[in-house]
Amino acid sequence: MKLRILYFARLREALGVSAEEPELPAQVATVDALIGWLRARGGVWAVELAEGRAFRVAVNQEMAAPDTPLAAGDEVALFPPVTGG
């Protein structure tokens, strides 16, 4: 399955990429599985996407829960929480 992943703010800077369109293994079918797959890259990926790190996920521009299913062609955005002032 192929989808588009967008990275914003701190994540874009730390990971050194703003977007990618990886081919995912069949078992990556939910947001939680995608995050685990990205963490498995190791290094800064494991650090920035670690349990307890603050970041949000949206699928097709709607906030997503860990069990949100993914489908080919989806757009997934990862970004830190934002606060107003």
Foldseek 3Di string as FASTA:
>chain_A
DWEKEAEDDPRCVQVVHGMDIDDDDPVCFFQLSVLVVQLVVDDSSVVCSPPPHAKWKDKQNHTGDRGHTDDPHIYMYIYGDDDDD
